[in-house]
Amino acid sequence: MGWGAALSLLRAGFRAKGVDINPQVLERFEKEGGEAYSVPAEAGESDVVFVFVVNSDQAREVLFGPKGALESARPGTVFLLCVTMAPSATLEIARELEAAGMAVIDAPVSGGHLKAIAGEITVMGSGPDAAFETASSALDAVAAKVFRLGNEVGTGSKVKMINQLLAGVHIAAAAEALTLAAKIGLDLETVFDVIRVSAGSSWMFENRGPHIVEGDYTPRSAVNIFVKDLGIVTSEAESAGGATPLSEMALALFGDAAQAGLGLEDDAAVAKILAQKSGTMLPGMAGQTAKKHG
């Protein structure tokens, strides 16, 4: 999603600097007209810094680690934390940034890589009004909707956590439904076409269903992402005294998929685990040819 956001900023006329550990990504970004750097400190000063990484450990590394962003950032720089993290981790990182004289917006995002490329992600933001004012034009360039959820850092991460609870459970439910359909002999294309316009559908069913129908598990969002995100949900819920039985079951399913070596496949690959447990075959599994939808 960081790639899509960076391209959206370039399209909007911003001087955009991209930092990535992959030289091929940096080369592609330069061809698009951006400035490319292999470490954050080399990017120098910026008014606004978007942080798109996988988890809180990576966020700490790119911000506070050797050659991290703080080495070259000037006081008052607005850091948008677009990482899906535990709210407690977001608060810790924000406090350290603020202690260094920086401004922080808790800004987790949703929409996937296609929405990011189109500049149409959703931002669940919380933080000081002054920081939003500084970052407003950049946010408008990357997002179709920016929710301002108050002045307190951490609120955005809490709302994103609820989103990920639903997303993970819905992916697991979609995988279960289509696997059962295969087990009882239904045509998966037909089932998908019926359900996606019926009451049982969800955004995740519509989005991930074709991956299962086609047997295409090229990672758009990997199994490991939901091991992390549902782990955040269950851990934070336990700390707060909340009951999350569906999240716990979905987390166990994603965990099984990761342990089976599917961690880097598309998150819809949890269907393979259910298929194995059901004694059935899905498109893309050994011994069966994938069937393309549409």
C-alpha atoms as a PDB file:
ATOM      1  CA  MET A   1       0.000   0.000   0.000  1.00  0.00           C
ATOM      2  CA  GLY A   2       2.983   2.282   0.507  1.00  0.00           C
ATOM      3  CA  TRP A   3       3.806   1.927  -3.176  1.00  0.00           C
ATOM      4  CA  GLY A   4       0.314   3.010  -4.167  1.00  0.00           C
ATOM      5  CA  ALA A   5       0.383   5.944  -1.767  1.00  0.00           C
ATOM      6  CA  ALA A   6       3.750   7.080  -3.139  1.00  0.00           C
ATOM      7  CA  LEU A   7       2.462   6.967  -6.722  1.00  0.00           C
ATOM      8  CA  SER A   8      -0.640   8.886  -5.690  1.00  0.00           C
ATOM      9  CA  LEU A   9       1.515  11.600  -4.161  1.00  0.00           C
ATOM     10  CA  LEU A  10       3.543  11.871  -7.369  1.00  0.00           C
ATOM     11  CA  ARG A  11       0.356  12.160  -9.443  1.00  0.00           C
ATOM     12  CA  ALA A  12      -0.820  14.965  -7.173  1.00  0.00           C
ATOM     13  CA  GLY A  13       2.370  16.913  -7.841  1.00  0.00           C
ATOM     14  CA  PHE A  14       4.208  16.276  -4.589  1.00  0.00           C
ATOM     15  CA  ARG A  15       7.950  15.836  -4.366  1.00  0.00           C
ATOM     16  CA  ALA A  16       7.802  12.272  -3.100  1.00  0.00           C
ATOM     17  CA  LYS A  17      10.687  10.325  -1.602  1.00  0.00           C
ATOM     18  CA  GLY A  18      10.462   6.557  -1.396  1.00  0.00           C
ATOM     19  CA  VAL A  19      12.457   4.348   0.963  1.00  0.00           C
ATOM     20  CA  ASP A  20      12.616   0.593   0.447  1.00  0.00           C
ATOM     21  CA  ILE A  21      15.039  -2.268   1.035  1.00  0.00           C
ATOM     22  CA  ASN A  22      14.337  -3.698  -2.431  1.00  0.00           C
ATOM     23  CA  PRO A  23      16.574  -2.138  -5.124  1.00  0.00           C
ATOM     24  CA  GLN A  24      14.104  -3.109  -7.847  1.00  0.00           C
ATOM     25  CA  VAL A  25      11.344  -1.156  -6.127  1.00  0.00           C
ATOM     26  CA  LEU A  26      13.627   1.868  -5.859  1.00  0.00           C
ATOM     27  CA  GLU A  27      14.469   1.644  -9.554  1.00  0.00           C
ATOM     28  CA  ARG A  28      10.787   1.459 -10.462  1.00  0.00           C
ATOM     29  CA  PHE A  29      10.034   4.460  -8.264  1.00  0.00           C
ATOM     30  CA  GLU A  30      12.737   6.567  -9.907  1.00  0.00           C
ATOM     31  CA  LYS A  31      11.265   5.702 -13.310  1.00  0.00           C
ATOM     32  CA  GLU A  32       7.923   6.994 -12.045  1.00  0.00           C
ATOM     33  CA  GLY A  33       9.572  10.316 -11.172  1.00  0.00           C
ATOM     34  CA  GLY A  34      10.172   9.815  -7.463  1.00  0.00           C
ATOM     35  CA  GLU A  35      13.323  10.079  -5.387  1.00  0.00           C
ATOM     36  CA  ALA A  36      14.539   6.713  -4.125  1.00  0.00           C
ATOM     37  CA  TYR A  37      16.562   5.889  -1.012  1.00  0.00           C
ATOM     38  CA  SER A  38      17.658   2.628   0.567  1.00  0.00           C
ATOM     39  CA  VAL A  39      17.614   3.930   4.167  1.00  0.00           C
ATOM     40  CA  PRO A  40      15.344   6.550   5.767  1.00  0.00           C
ATOM     41  CA  ALA A  41      18.084   8.897   7.019  1.00  0.00           C
ATOM     42  CA  GLU A  42      19.342   9.464   3.469  1.00  0.00           C
ATOM     43  CA  ALA A  43      15.967  10.861   2.409  1.00  0.00           C
ATOM     44  CA  GLY A  44      16.636  14.026   4.415  1.00  0.00           C
ATOM     45  CA  GLU A  45      14.005  16.446   5.626  1.00  0.00           C
ATOM     46  CA  SER A  46      10.340  16.268   4.653  1.00  0.00           C
ATOM     47  CA  ASP A  47       7.191  18.001   5.817  1.00  0.00           C
ATOM     48  CA  VAL A  48       5.212  14.766   6.082  1.00  0.00           C
ATOM     49  CA  VAL A  49       6.426  11.172   6.451  1.00  0.00           C
ATOM     50  CA  PHE A  50       4.143   8.207   5.766  1.00  0.00           C
ATOM     51  CA  VAL A  51       5.239   5.012   7.513  1.00  0.00           C
ATOM     52  CA  PHE A  52       4.033   1.913   5.642  1.00  0.00           C
ATOM     53  CA  VAL A  53       5.634  -1.211   7.101  1.00  0.00           C
ATOM     54  CA  VAL A  54       4.315  -4.544   8.337  1.00  0.00           C
ATOM     55  CA  ASN A  55       4.487  -4.324  12.123  1.00  0.00           C
ATOM     56  CA  SER A  56       5.583  -2.325  15.149  1.00  0.00           C
ATOM     57  CA  ASP A  57       9.105  -3.800  15.174  1.00  0.00           C
ATOM     58  CA  GLN A  58       9.681  -2.607  11.622  1.00  0.00           C
ATOM     59  CA  ALA A  59       8.184   0.780  12.492  1.00  0.00           C
ATOM     60  CA  ARG A  60      10.636   1.198  15.361  1.00  0.00           C
ATOM     61  CA  GLU A  61      13.530   0.158  13.113  1.00  0.00           C
ATOM     62  CA  VAL A  62      12.765   2.632  10.315  1.00  0.00           C
ATOM     63  CA  LEU A  63      12.124   5.448  12.779  1.00  0.00           C
ATOM     64  CA  PHE A  64      14.607   4.980  15.608  1.00  0.00           C
ATOM     65  CA  GLY A  65      17.109   2.425  14.336  1.00  0.00           C
ATOM     66  CA  PRO A  66      20.510   3.083  12.730  1.00  0.00           C
ATOM     67  CA  LYS A  67      20.027   5.453   9.778  1.00  0.00           C
ATOM     68  CA  GLY A  68      16.377   5.774  10.750  1.00  0.00           C
ATOM     69  CA  ALA A  69      14.126   8.677   9.830  1.00  0.00           C
ATOM     70  CA  LEU A  70      14.768  10.589  13.053  1.00  0.00           C
ATOM     71  CA  GLU A  71      18.424  11.066  12.132  1.00  0.00           C
ATOM     72  CA  SER A  72      17.494  13.576   9.427  1.00  0.00           C
ATOM     73  CA  ALA A  73      13.981  14.755  10.375  1.00  0.00           C
ATOM     74  CA  ARG A  74      13.557  18.310  11.539  1.00  0.00           C
ATOM     75  CA  PRO A  75      11.419  19.133  14.586  1.00  0.00           C
ATOM     76  CA  GLY A  76       7.769  19.519  13.696  1.00  0.00           C
ATOM     77  CA  THR A  77       7.781  16.901  10.946  1.00  0.00           C
ATOM     78  CA  VAL A  78       4.422  15.121  10.803  1.00  0.00           C
ATOM     79  CA  PHE A  79       4.740  11.343  10.969  1.00  0.00           C
ATOM     80  CA  LEU A  80       1.712   9.369   9.815  1.00  0.00           C
ATOM     81  CA  LEU A  81       1.804   5.909  11.351  1.00  0.00           C
ATOM     82  CA  CYS A  82      -0.021   3.863   8.716  1.00  0.00           C
ATOM     83  CA  VAL A  83       1.018   0.568  10.262  1.00  0.00           C
ATOM     84  CA  THR A  84      -1.476  -1.899  11.699  1.00  0.00           C
ATOM     85  CA  MET A  85      -0.187  -2.174  15.266  1.00  0.00           C
ATOM     86  CA  ALA A  86      -1.508  -2.857  18.711  1.00  0.00           C
ATOM     87  CA  PRO A  87      -2.852   0.442  20.081  1.00  0.00           C
ATOM     88  CA  SER A  88      -0.413   0.124  22.987  1.00  0.00           C
ATOM     89  CA  ALA A  89       2.516  -0.099  20.538  1.00  0.00           C
ATOM     90  CA  THR A  90       1.234   2.913  18.607  1.00  0.00           C
ATOM     91  CA  LEU A  91       1.152   4.957  21.804  1.00  0.00           C
ATOM     92  CA  GLU A  92       4.700   3.980  22.723  1.00  0.00           C
ATOM     93  CA  ILE A  93       6.066   4.923  19.311  1.00  0.00           C
ATOM     94  CA  ALA A  94       4.088   8.168  19.238  1.00  0.00           C
ATOM     95  CA  ARG A  95       5.397   9.214  22.654  1.00  0.00           C
ATOM     96  CA  GLU A  96       8.986   8.640  21.514  1.00  0.00           C
ATOM     97  CA  LEU A  97       8.420  10.656  18.353  1.00  0.00           C
ATOM     98  CA  GLU A  98       6.772  13.475  20.293  1.00  0.00           C
ATOM     99  CA  ALA A  99       9.639  13.500  22.777  1.00  0.00           C
ATOM    100  CA  ALA A 100      11.941  14.114  19.810  1.00  0.00           C
ATOM    101  CA  GLY A 101       9.867  17.148  18.800  1.00  0.00           C
ATOM    102  CA  MET A 102       7.825  15.483  16.058  1.00  0.00           C
ATOM    103  CA  ALA A 103       4.078  15.560  15.398  1.00  0.00           C
ATOM    104  CA  VAL A 104       2.194  12.271  15.075  1.00  0.00           C
ATOM    105  CA  ILE A 105      -1.006  11.114  13.438  1.00  0.00           C
ATOM    106  CA  ASP A 106      -2.169   7.587  14.227  1.00  0.00           C
ATOM    107  CA  ALA A 107      -3.242   6.773  10.663  1.00  0.00           C
ATOM    108  CA  PRO A 108      -3.845   3.074   9.916  1.00  0.00           C
ATOM    109  CA  VAL A 109      -5.312   2.472   6.484  1.00  0.00           C
ATOM    110  CA  SER A 110      -7.642   0.097   4.687  1.00  0.00           C
ATOM    111  CA  GLY A 111      -8.543  -0.674   1.091  1.00  0.00           C
ATOM    112  CA  GLY A 112      -5.793  -2.911  -0.256  1.00  0.00           C
ATOM    113  CA  HIS A 113      -3.150  -2.321  -2.892  1.00  0.00           C
ATOM    114  CA  LEU A 114      -5.565  -1.524  -5.738  1.00  0.00           C
ATOM    115  CA  LYS A 115      -7.272   1.235  -3.767  1.00  0.00           C
ATOM    116  CA  ALA A 116      -3.841   2.537  -2.771  1.00  0.00           C
ATOM    117  CA  ILE A 117      -2.692   2.759  -6.393  1.00  0.00           C
ATOM    118  CA  ALA A 118      -5.901   4.611  -7.245  1.00  0.00           C
ATOM    119  CA  GLY A 119      -5.416   7.056  -4.348  1.00  0.00           C
ATOM    120  CA  GLU A 120      -8.615   5.814  -2.746  1.00  0.00           C
ATOM    121  CA  ILE A 121      -7.597   4.252   0.569  1.00  0.00           C
ATOM    122  CA  THR A 122      -9.469   4.856   3.803  1.00  0.00           C
ATOM    123  CA  VAL A 123      -7.522   6.476   6.638  1.00  0.00           C
ATOM    124  CA  MET A 124      -8.605   5.961  10.242  1.00  0.00           C
ATOM    125  CA  GLY A 125      -6.812   8.936  11.741  1.00  0.00           C
ATOM    126  CA  SER A 126      -6.428  10.396  15.172  1.00  0.00           C
ATOM    127  CA  GLY A 127      -4.073  13.080  16.403  1.00  0.00           C
ATOM    128  CA  PRO A 128      -3.651  16.839  16.903  1.00  0.00           C
ATOM    129  CA  ASP A 129      -5.552  19.245  14.656  1.00  0.00           C
ATOM    130  CA  ALA A 130      -2.334  21.060  13.735  1.00  0.00           C
ATOM    131  CA  ALA A 131      -0.798  17.851  12.438  1.00  0.00           C
ATOM    132  CA  PHE A 132      -3.876  17.142  10.315  1.00  0.00           C
ATOM    133  CA  GLU A 133      -3.732  20.656   8.886  1.00  0.00           C
ATOM    134  CA  THR A 134      -0.103  20.164   7.823  1.00  0.00           C
ATOM    135  CA  ALA A 135      -0.790  16.755   6.300  1.00  0.00           C
ATOM    136  CA  SER A 136      -4.231  17.468   4.828  1.00  0.00           C
ATOM    137  CA  SER A 137      -3.231  17.902   1.184  1.00  0.00           C
ATOM    138  CA  ALA A 138      -1.019  14.808   1.272  1.00  0.00           C
ATOM    139  CA  LEU A 139      -3.820  12.800   2.855  1.00  0.00           C
ATOM    140  CA  ASP A 140      -6.248  14.008   0.212  1.00  0.00           C
ATOM    141  CA  ALA A 141      -3.855  12.752  -2.463  1.00  0.00           C
ATOM    142  CA  VAL A 142      -3.772   9.176  -1.157  1.00  0.00           C
ATOM    143  CA  ALA A 143      -7.229   8.711   0.363  1.00  0.00           C
ATOM    144  CA  ALA A 144     -10.853   8.720  -0.730  1.00  0.00           C
ATOM    145  CA  LYS A 145     -11.931   9.065   2.889  1.00  0.00           C
ATOM    146  CA  VAL A 146     -10.063  10.384   5.915  1.00  0.00           C
ATOM    147  CA  PHE A 147     -11.846   9.724   9.191  1.00  0.00           C
ATOM    148  CA  ARG A 148     -10.752  12.116  11.929  1.00  0.00           C
ATOM    149  CA  LEU A 149     -11.402  10.127  15.081  1.00  0.00           C
ATOM    150  CA  GLY A 150     -10.308  12.642  17.675  1.00  0.00           C
ATOM    151  CA  ASN A 151      -7.125  14.172  19.040  1.00  0.00           C
ATOM    152  CA  GLU A 152      -5.816  11.152  20.917  1.00  0.00           C
ATOM    153  CA  VAL A 153      -3.206   8.970  19.259  1.00  0.00           C
ATOM    154  CA  GLY A 154      -4.286   5.353  19.634  1.00  0.00           C
ATOM    155  CA  THR A 155      -7.920   5.776  18.660  1.00  0.00           C
ATOM    156  CA  GLY A 156      -7.143   5.156  14.994  1.00  0.00           C
ATOM    157  CA  SER A 157      -5.331   1.934  15.864  1.00  0.00           C
ATOM    158  CA  LYS A 158      -8.253   0.785  17.987  1.00  0.00           C
ATOM    159  CA  VAL A 159     -10.701   1.312  15.119  1.00  0.00           C
ATOM    160  CA  LYS A 160      -8.342  -0.455  12.685  1.00  0.00           C
ATOM    161  CA  MET A 161      -8.126  -3.366  15.119  1.00  0.00           C
ATOM    162  CA  ILE A 162     -11.923  -3.718  14.973  1.00  0.00           C
ATOM    163  CA  ASN A 163     -11.751  -3.600  11.180  1.00  0.00           C
ATOM    164  CA  GLN A 164      -9.129  -6.344  11.140  1.00  0.00           C
ATOM    165  CA  LEU A 165     -11.222  -8.465  13.496  1.00  0.00           C
ATOM    166  CA  LEU A 166     -14.034  -8.404  10.943  1.00  0.00           C
ATOM    167  CA  ALA A 167     -11.719  -8.781   7.955  1.00  0.00           C
ATOM    168  CA  GLY A 168      -9.980 -11.852   9.376  1.00  0.00           C
ATOM    169  CA  VAL A 169     -13.202 -13.532  10.470  1.00  0.00           C
ATOM    170  CA  HIS A 170     -14.837 -12.783   7.104  1.00  0.00           C
ATOM    171  CA  ILE A 171     -11.901 -14.274   5.167  1.00  0.00           C
ATOM    172  CA  ALA A 172     -12.098 -17.408   7.306  1.00  0.00           C
ATOM    173  CA  ALA A 173     -15.874 -17.572   6.791  1.00  0.00           C
ATOM    174  CA  ALA A 174     -15.536 -17.125   3.024  1.00  0.00           C
ATOM    175  CA  ALA A 175     -12.933 -19.900   2.904  1.00  0.00           C
ATOM    176  CA  GLU A 176     -15.152 -22.190   4.982  1.00  0.00           C
ATOM    177  CA  ALA A 177     -18.197 -21.521   2.814  1.00  0.00           C
ATOM    178  CA  LEU A 178     -16.450 -22.160  -0.497  1.00  0.00           C
ATOM    179  CA  THR A 179     -14.651 -25.222   0.829  1.00  0.00           C
ATOM    180  CA  LEU A 180     -17.944 -26.709   2.005  1.00  0.00           C
ATOM    181  CA  ALA A 181     -19.466 -25.876  -1.372  1.00  0.00           C
ATOM    182  CA  ALA A 182     -16.687 -27.845  -3.056  1.00  0.00           C
ATOM    183  CA  LYS A 183     -17.106 -30.724  -0.624  1.00  0.00           C
ATOM    184  CA  ILE A 184     -20.815 -31.137  -1.397  1.00  0.00           C
ATOM    185  CA  GLY A 185     -20.234 -30.987  -5.136  1.00  0.00           C
ATOM    186  CA  LEU A 186     -21.321 -27.466  -6.020  1.00  0.00           C
ATOM    187  CA  ASP A 187     -19.703 -25.495  -8.833  1.00  0.00           C
ATOM    188  CA  LEU A 188     -17.592 -22.791  -7.174  1.00  0.00           C
ATOM    189  CA  GLU A 189     -18.096 -20.197  -9.895  1.00  0.00           C
ATOM    190  CA  THR A 190     -21.860 -20.571  -9.610  1.00  0.00           C
ATOM    191  CA  VAL A 191     -21.798 -20.391  -5.807  1.00  0.00           C
ATOM    192  CA  PHE A 192     -19.635 -17.271  -5.916  1.00  0.00           C
ATOM    193  CA  ASP A 193     -21.893 -15.551  -8.451  1.00  0.00           C
ATOM    194  CA  VAL A 194     -24.999 -16.301  -6.358  1.00  0.00           C
ATOM    195  CA  ILE A 195     -23.603 -15.421  -2.924  1.00  0.00           C
ATOM    196  CA  ARG A 196     -21.880 -12.178  -3.935  1.00  0.00           C
ATOM    197  CA  VAL A 197     -25.296 -10.626  -4.690  1.00  0.00           C
ATOM    198  CA  SER A 198     -27.070 -12.282  -1.767  1.00  0.00           C
ATOM    199  CA  ALA A 199     -27.399 -11.580   1.943  1.00  0.00           C
ATOM    200  CA  GLY A 200     -24.526 -13.867   2.892  1.00  0.00           C
ATOM    201  CA  SER A 201     -21.940 -11.821   1.018  1.00  0.00           C
ATOM    202  CA  SER A 202     -19.283  -9.537   2.483  1.00  0.00           C
ATOM    203  CA  TRP A 203     -16.580  -7.330   1.006  1.00  0.00           C
ATOM    204  CA  MET A 204     -14.039 -10.021   1.847  1.00  0.00           C
ATOM    205  CA  PHE A 205     -16.148 -12.728   0.204  1.00  0.00           C
ATOM    206  CA  GLU A 206     -16.371 -10.650  -2.972  1.00  0.00           C
ATOM    207  CA  ASN A 207     -12.666  -9.814  -2.901  1.00  0.00           C
ATOM    208  CA  ARG A 208     -11.114 -13.098  -1.739  1.00  0.00           C
ATOM    209  CA  GLY A 209     -13.694 -15.480  -3.172  1.00  0.00           C
ATOM    210  CA  PRO A 210     -12.238 -15.286  -6.701  1.00  0.00           C
ATOM    211  CA  HIS A 211      -8.814 -16.213  -5.332  1.00  0.00           C
ATOM    212  CA  ILE A 212     -10.267 -19.503  -4.081  1.00  0.00           C
ATOM    213  CA  VAL A 213     -12.429 -20.073  -7.163  1.00  0.00           C
ATOM    214  CA  GLU A 214      -9.432 -19.493  -9.451  1.00  0.00           C
ATOM    215  CA  GLY A 215      -6.899 -21.250  -7.255  1.00  0.00           C
ATOM    216  CA  ASP A 216      -4.720 -18.139  -7.415  1.00  0.00           C
ATOM    217  CA  TYR A 217      -2.942 -17.540  -4.122  1.00  0.00           C
ATOM    218  CA  THR A 218      -0.538 -14.868  -5.320  1.00  0.00           C
ATOM    219  CA  PRO A 219      -0.218 -12.756  -2.161  1.00  0.00           C
ATOM    220  CA  ARG A 220      -2.163  -9.508  -2.191  1.00  0.00           C
ATOM    221  CA  SER A 221      -2.274  -9.737   1.602  1.00  0.00           C
ATOM    222  CA  ALA A 222      -0.508 -12.715   3.111  1.00  0.00           C
ATOM    223  CA  VAL A 223      -1.620 -15.283   5.676  1.00  0.00           C
ATOM    224  CA  ASN A 224       1.093 -13.996   8.027  1.00  0.00           C
ATOM    225  CA  ILE A 225      -0.518 -10.552   8.086  1.00  0.00           C
ATOM    226  CA  PHE A 226      -3.638 -11.964   9.712  1.00  0.00           C
ATOM    227  CA  VAL A 227      -1.639 -14.093  12.112  1.00  0.00           C
ATOM    228  CA  LYS A 228      -0.264 -10.747  13.298  1.00  0.00           C
ATOM    229  CA  ASP A 229      -3.485  -8.751  13.118  1.00  0.00           C
ATOM    230  CA  LEU A 230      -5.767 -11.300  14.765  1.00  0.00           C
ATOM    231  CA  GLY A 231      -3.043 -11.838  17.347  1.00  0.00           C
ATOM    232  CA  ILE A 232      -3.336  -8.131  18.122  1.00  0.00           C
ATOM    233  CA  VAL A 233      -7.115  -8.432  18.386  1.00  0.00           C
ATOM    234  CA  THR A 234      -7.079 -11.371  20.796  1.00  0.00           C
ATOM    235  CA  SER A 235      -4.230 -10.000  22.898  1.00  0.00           C
ATOM    236  CA  GLU A 236      -5.727  -6.528  23.274  1.00  0.00           C
ATOM    237  CA  ALA A 237      -9.165  -8.020  23.909  1.00  0.00           C
ATOM    238  CA  GLU A 238      -7.778 -10.214  26.673  1.00  0.00           C
ATOM    239  CA  SER A 239      -6.114  -7.197  28.275  1.00  0.00           C
ATOM    240  CA  ALA A 240      -9.385  -5.273  28.133  1.00  0.00           C
ATOM    241  CA  GLY A 241     -11.500  -8.190  29.349  1.00  0.00           C
ATOM    242  CA  GLY A 242     -13.301  -8.578  26.025  1.00  0.00           C
ATOM    243  CA  ALA A 243     -14.601 -11.860  24.606  1.00  0.00           C
ATOM    244  CA  THR A 244     -13.506 -12.660  21.033  1.00  0.00           C
ATOM    245  CA  PRO A 245     -14.303 -16.335  20.359  1.00  0.00           C
ATOM    246  CA  LEU A 246     -14.678 -15.912  16.589  1.00  0.00           C
ATOM    247  CA  SER A 247     -11.370 -14.061  16.364  1.00  0.00           C
ATOM    248  CA  GLU A 248      -9.673 -16.819  18.342  1.00  0.00           C
ATOM    249  CA  MET A 249     -11.014 -19.496  15.991  1.00  0.00           C
ATOM    250  CA  ALA A 250      -9.993 -17.505  12.908  1.00  0.00           C
ATOM    251  CA  LEU A 251      -6.545 -16.896  14.396  1.00  0.00           C
ATOM    252  CA  ALA A 252      -6.106 -20.622  14.969  1.00  0.00           C
ATOM    253  CA  LEU A 253      -6.973 -21.262  11.317  1.00  0.00           C
ATOM    254  CA  PHE A 254      -4.490 -18.673  10.053  1.00  0.00           C
ATOM    255  CA  GLY A 255      -1.911 -20.087  12.465  1.00  0.00           C
ATOM    256  CA  ASP A 256      -2.452 -23.576  11.061  1.00  0.00           C
ATOM    257  CA  ALA A 257      -1.954 -22.212   7.550  1.00  0.00           C
ATOM    258  CA  ALA A 258       1.281 -20.471   8.537  1.00  0.00           C
ATOM    259  CA  GLN A 259       2.599 -23.628  10.201  1.00  0.00           C
ATOM    260  CA  ALA A 260       1.771 -25.573   7.041  1.00  0.00           C
ATOM    261  CA  GLY A 261       4.104 -23.310   5.053  1.00  0.00           C
ATOM    262  CA  LEU A 262       1.419 -21.045   3.597  1.00  0.00           C
ATOM    263  CA  GLY A 263       2.392 -17.924   5.526  1.00  0.00           C
ATOM    264  CA  LEU A 264       3.554 -15.994   2.468  1.00  0.00           C
ATOM    265  CA  GLU A 265       0.616 -17.021   0.277  1.00  0.00           C
ATOM    266  CA  ASP A 266      -2.536 -14.962  -0.121  1.00  0.00           C
ATOM    267  CA  ASP A 267      -4.620 -14.947   3.061  1.00  0.00           C
ATOM    268  CA  ALA A 268      -7.375 -16.821   1.201  1.00  0.00           C
ATOM    269  CA  ALA A 269      -5.041 -19.839   1.325  1.00  0.00           C
ATOM    270  CA  VAL A 270      -6.605 -20.725   4.676  1.00  0.00           C
ATOM    271  CA  ALA A 271      -9.133 -22.484   2.437  1.00  0.00           C
ATOM    272  CA  LYS A 272      -6.461 -25.093   1.675  1.00  0.00           C
ATOM    273  CA  ILE A 273      -6.296 -26.031   5.354  1.00  0.00           C
ATOM    274  CA  LEU A 274     -10.061 -26.458   5.502  1.00  0.00           C
ATOM    275  CA  ALA A 275      -9.993 -28.475   2.293  1.00  0.00           C
ATOM    276  CA  GLN A 276      -7.386 -30.819   3.722  1.00  0.00           C
ATOM    277  CA  LYS A 277      -9.419 -31.265   6.891  1.00  0.00           C
ATOM    278  CA  SER A 278     -12.526 -31.922   4.780  1.00  0.00           C
ATOM    279  CA  GLY A 279     -10.828 -34.383   2.473  1.00  0.00           C
ATOM    280  CA  THR A 280     -11.667 -32.338  -0.591  1.00  0.00           C
ATOM    281  CA  MET A 281      -9.794 -30.547  -3.355  1.00  0.00           C
ATOM    282  CA  LEU A 282      -9.904 -26.912  -4.392  1.00  0.00           C
ATOM    283  CA  PRO A 283      -8.628 -25.272  -7.579  1.00  0.00           C
ATOM    284  CA  GLY A 284      -4.901 -24.713  -7.336  1.00  0.00           C
ATOM    285  CA  MET A 285      -4.270 -27.620  -4.999  1.00  0.00           C
ATOM    286  CA  ALA A 286      -2.103 -30.564  -6.106  1.00  0.00           C
ATOM    287  CA  GLY A 287      -3.814 -32.813  -8.602  1.00  0.00           C
ATOM    288  CA  GLN A 288      -6.432 -30.280  -9.695  1.00  0.00           C
ATOM    289  CA  THR A 289      -6.269 -27.601 -12.370  1.00  0.00           C
ATOM    290  CA  ALA A 290      -7.240 -24.078 -11.389  1.00  0.00           C
ATOM    291  CA  LYS A 291     -10.454 -22.804 -12.907  1.00  0.00           C
ATOM    292  CA  LYS A 292     -10.534 -19.142 -13.876  1.00  0.00           C
ATOM    293  CA  HIS A 293     -13.539 -17.096 -12.818  1.00  0.00           C
ATOM    294  CA  GLY A 294     -15.268 -15.035 -15.449  1.00  0.00           C
END
